[in-house]
Amino acid sequence: MPDEQSILLRGLEAFAELGYDRASARELARRLGVSHNFINDRYGSKAAFWRAVIDSALGAQLARLPQVDPSSDDADRLHLIIAGFYRAAVDTPLIGKVFVDELSRDTERLDYLYEHYIAPVLQLMVPSIERLVAAGRMAPVPWDVLFFAVIPPVSGMVDGPLARRLGRPETASSDQLTATAESLATLVVNGLLATGSESGRRA
């Protein structure tokens, strides 16, 4: 019997490759190397197994987000949070594939992702964004626009085959990936702050 961590990792690999609907309980059991009724016996259902897989992968990501110094500048705080999110994605690139599949579907799984992982990451940024807007350093940005400004660039950390075609080394080092995360975060934060500058010029 594989250990729990191996089971969850193989589950993540299966959901990332096949998507939720194509990853049948029988196919999952085959990939896990367990009996066909193992998932129902251990987790209760395929849906519950999916949540366990997601919690294992994304819970570790949230735990690795950096602690932010309350006294630091709000733009620096925002950069630190976003760069930390991008760096965490490097450790679990398969989760990016799951996100791509799930974010386009109106399901209970999307509700789960939003409630437990998307909203908490956005909430980390709320205080800094509100102060930047109040200070005129950033224009008010609807939350849906903010989400699509911050989250999609994570594909630059997890889409290895495309990144290599665009010039990234075949075996990028940890330092190189960290630098990529920092560059992406800088682009995103500078773009958000530029909305405040543009608003000030129009005024």
Protein backbone atom coordinates (compact mmCIF):
# COMPACT_ATOMS: atom_id res chain seq x y z
CA MET A 1 0.00 0.00 0.00
CA PRO A 2 1.51 3.39 -0.98
CA ASP A 3 1.90 5.91 1.82
CA GLU A 4 -0.58 8.79 2.09
CA GLN A 5 1.71 11.40 0.52
CA SER A 6 2.37 9.16 -2.49
CA ILE A 7 -1.35 8.56 -2.91
CA LEU A 8 -2.10 12.29 -2.90
CA LEU A 9 0.73 13.07 -5.30
CA ARG A 10 -0.38 10.36 -7.74
CA GLY A 11 -3.90 11.71 -7.44
CA LEU A 12 -2.68 15.19 -8.31
CA GLU A 13 -0.84 13.81 -11.33
CA ALA A 14 -3.98 12.01 -12.50
CA PHE A 15 -6.29 15.02 -12.08
CA ALA A 16 -3.75 17.31 -13.77
CA GLU A 17 -3.39 14.99 -16.75
CA LEU A 18 -6.96 13.76 -17.18
CA GLY A 19 -9.15 16.40 -15.56
CA TYR A 20 -11.73 15.56 -12.92
CA ASP A 21 -14.36 13.98 -15.19
CA ARG A 22 -11.99 11.66 -17.06
CA ALA A 23 -10.24 10.56 -13.85
CA SER A 24 -12.67 7.78 -12.99
CA ALA A 25 -12.46 6.00 -9.67
CA ARG A 26 -11.27 2.88 -11.48
CA GLU A 27 -8.56 4.78 -13.36
CA LEU A 28 -7.46 6.53 -10.17
CA ALA A 29 -7.22 3.19 -8.39
CA ARG A 30 -5.14 1.77 -11.23
CA ARG A 31 -2.71 4.71 -11.08
CA LEU A 32 -2.54 4.57 -7.30
CA GLY A 33 -1.88 0.84 -7.34
CA VAL A 34 -4.80 0.09 -5.01
CA SER A 35 -8.07 -1.84 -5.16
CA HIS A 36 -10.96 -0.35 -7.14
CA ASN A 37 -12.96 0.48 -3.99
CA PHE A 38 -10.01 2.05 -2.13
CA ILE A 39 -11.00 5.69 -2.77
CA ASN A 40 -14.55 5.24 -1.52
CA ASP A 41 -13.37 3.27 1.49
CA ARG A 42 -10.60 5.71 2.45
CA TYR A 43 -12.03 9.09 1.41
CA GLY A 44 -15.76 8.49 0.95
CA SER A 45 -15.99 9.60 -2.70
CA LYS A 46 -13.97 10.80 -5.66
CA ALA A 47 -14.98 14.38 -4.83
CA ALA A 48 -13.64 14.01 -1.30
CA PHE A 49 -10.42 12.52 -2.67
CA TRP A 50 -10.07 15.51 -5.03
CA ARG A 51 -10.43 17.89 -2.07
CA ALA A 52 -7.79 15.93 -0.13
CA VAL A 53 -5.43 16.17 -3.11
CA ILE A 54 -6.04 19.92 -3.46
CA ASP A 55 -5.62 20.53 0.28
CA SER A 56 -2.32 18.69 0.27
CA ALA A 57 -0.93 20.68 -2.67
CA LEU A 58 -2.39 24.14 -2.09
CA GLY A 59 -2.24 24.03 1.70
CA ALA A 60 1.52 23.61 1.42
CA GLN A 61 1.64 26.55 -1.00
CA LEU A 62 -0.22 28.87 1.38
CA ALA A 63 2.02 27.80 4.24
CA ARG A 64 5.06 28.85 2.22
CA LEU A 65 3.81 32.36 1.50
CA PRO A 66 6.20 34.84 3.13
CA GLN A 67 5.42 36.66 6.36
CA VAL A 68 5.06 40.35 5.58
CA ASP A 69 6.57 43.07 7.77
CA PRO A 70 3.64 45.30 8.83
CA SER A 71 5.92 48.36 8.77
CA SER A 72 7.04 47.90 5.16
CA ASP A 73 5.78 50.02 2.28
CA ASP A 74 2.49 48.77 0.88
CA ALA A 75 3.88 48.42 -2.64
CA ASP A 76 6.71 46.30 -1.24
CA ARG A 77 4.21 44.23 0.76
CA LEU A 78 2.15 43.63 -2.37
CA HIS A 79 5.25 42.62 -4.33
CA LEU A 80 6.35 40.22 -1.59
CA ILE A 81 2.97 38.47 -1.45
CA ILE A 82 2.66 38.09 -5.22
CA ALA A 83 6.27 36.97 -5.70
CA GLY A 84 5.81 34.43 -2.89
CA PHE A 85 2.72 33.07 -4.61
CA TYR A 86 4.64 32.68 -7.87
CA ARG A 87 7.59 30.99 -6.17
CA ALA A 88 5.28 28.56 -4.39
CA ALA A 89 3.80 27.57 -7.75
CA VAL A 90 7.19 26.27 -8.86
CA ASP A 91 7.05 23.56 -6.21
CA THR A 92 3.69 22.22 -7.43
CA PRO A 93 3.41 22.94 -11.18
CA LEU A 94 0.74 20.25 -11.57
CA ILE A 95 -1.68 22.38 -9.57
CA GLY A 96 -1.56 24.95 -12.35
CA LYS A 97 -2.96 22.40 -14.78
CA VAL A 98 -5.76 21.58 -12.35
CA PHE A 99 -6.57 25.28 -12.04
CA VAL A 100 -6.72 25.75 -15.80
CA ASP A 101 -9.26 22.95 -16.01
CA GLU A 102 -11.36 23.97 -13.02
CA LEU A 103 -11.51 27.78 -13.37
CA SER A 104 -13.53 27.48 -16.57
CA ARG A 105 -16.20 25.25 -15.00
CA ASP A 106 -19.04 26.38 -12.75
CA THR A 107 -18.86 23.54 -10.22
CA GLU A 108 -18.68 22.87 -6.50
CA ARG A 109 -14.96 22.31 -7.04
CA LEU A 110 -14.59 25.90 -8.20
CA ASP A 111 -16.52 27.02 -5.12
CA TYR A 112 -14.07 25.04 -3.00
CA LEU A 113 -11.02 26.53 -4.72
CA TYR A 114 -12.40 30.04 -4.39
CA GLU A 115 -13.44 29.76 -0.75
CA HIS A 116 -10.35 28.00 0.55
CA TYR A 117 -7.53 29.28 -1.64
CA ILE A 118 -8.34 32.09 -4.11
CA ALA A 119 -10.17 34.37 -1.68
CA PRO A 120 -7.58 33.95 1.12
CA VAL A 121 -4.73 34.94 -1.23
CA LEU A 122 -6.67 37.98 -2.42
CA GLN A 123 -7.49 38.93 1.15
CA LEU A 124 -3.78 39.02 1.98
CA MET A 125 -3.48 41.88 -0.51
CA VAL A 126 -6.60 43.83 0.50
CA PRO A 127 -5.14 46.07 3.25
CA SER A 128 -2.18 47.16 1.12
CA ILE A 129 -4.34 47.76 -1.95
CA GLU A 130 -6.86 49.80 0.01
CA ARG A 131 -4.11 52.02 1.43
CA LEU A 132 -2.45 52.42 -1.98
CA VAL A 133 -5.79 53.46 -3.49
CA ALA A 134 -6.49 55.87 -0.62
CA ALA A 135 -3.05 57.44 -1.10
CA GLY A 136 -3.66 57.88 -4.83
CA ARG A 137 -0.84 55.51 -5.73
CA MET A 138 -3.23 53.02 -7.35
CA ALA A 139 -6.56 53.51 -9.07
CA PRO A 140 -9.51 51.50 -7.73
CA VAL A 141 -9.48 48.12 -9.44
CA PRO A 142 -12.47 45.72 -9.50
CA TRP A 143 -11.66 42.42 -7.83
CA ASP A 144 -12.21 40.41 -10.99
CA VAL A 145 -9.72 42.62 -12.84
CA LEU A 146 -7.25 42.34 -9.96
CA PHE A 147 -7.54 38.56 -9.97
CA PHE A 148 -6.82 38.27 -13.68
CA ALA A 149 -3.93 40.72 -13.34
CA VAL A 150 -2.27 38.70 -10.57
CA ILE A 151 -3.10 35.01 -11.08
CA PRO A 152 -2.61 34.21 -14.81
CA PRO A 153 1.11 35.21 -14.82
CA VAL A 154 1.69 32.17 -12.62
CA SER A 155 1.61 30.22 -15.88
CA GLY A 156 5.05 31.68 -16.48
CA MET A 157 6.27 29.57 -13.56
CA VAL A 158 4.57 26.29 -14.45
CA ASP A 159 4.35 26.14 -18.27
CA GLY A 160 7.85 24.75 -18.76
CA PRO A 161 7.61 23.55 -22.40
CA LEU A 162 6.36 26.94 -23.63
CA ALA A 163 8.83 28.86 -21.43
CA ARG A 164 11.71 26.85 -22.92
CA ARG A 165 10.54 27.69 -26.42
CA LEU A 166 10.61 31.33 -25.38
CA GLY A 167 14.21 31.08 -24.23
CA ARG A 168 14.21 29.72 -20.68
CA PRO A 169 17.08 27.25 -20.07
CA GLU A 170 16.16 23.56 -20.27
CA THR A 171 17.15 23.06 -16.63
CA ALA A 172 16.43 26.36 -14.93
CA SER A 173 18.02 26.56 -11.49
CA SER A 174 16.18 27.45 -8.33
CA ASP A 175 17.83 30.88 -8.39
CA GLN A 176 16.70 31.45 -11.99
CA LEU A 177 13.12 30.51 -11.15
CA THR A 178 13.18 32.79 -8.11
CA ALA A 179 14.41 35.61 -10.34
CA THR A 180 11.57 34.87 -12.76
CA ALA A 181 9.03 35.04 -9.92
CA GLU A 182 10.49 38.37 -8.79
CA SER A 183 10.39 39.77 -12.35
CA LEU A 184 6.78 38.70 -12.84
CA ALA A 185 5.76 40.23 -9.52
CA THR A 186 7.55 43.47 -10.37
CA LEU A 187 5.74 43.70 -13.72
CA VAL A 188 2.36 43.09 -12.10
CA VAL A 189 2.86 45.53 -9.20
CA ASN A 190 4.32 48.23 -11.45
CA GLY A 191 1.32 47.84 -13.73
CA LEU A 192 -1.10 48.22 -10.82
CA LEU A 193 0.75 51.27 -9.50
CA ALA A 194 0.78 52.79 -12.98
CA THR A 195 -3.02 52.93 -12.84
CA GLY A 196 -2.65 55.40 -9.96
CA SER A 197 -0.21 57.53 -11.94
CA GLU A 198 -2.54 57.57 -14.94
CA SER A 199 -5.47 58.53 -12.70
CA GLY A 200 -3.42 61.38 -11.25
CA ARG A 201 -2.51 62.72 -14.71
CA ARG A 202 -6.16 62.74 -15.82
CA ALA A 203 -7.14 64.58 -12.63
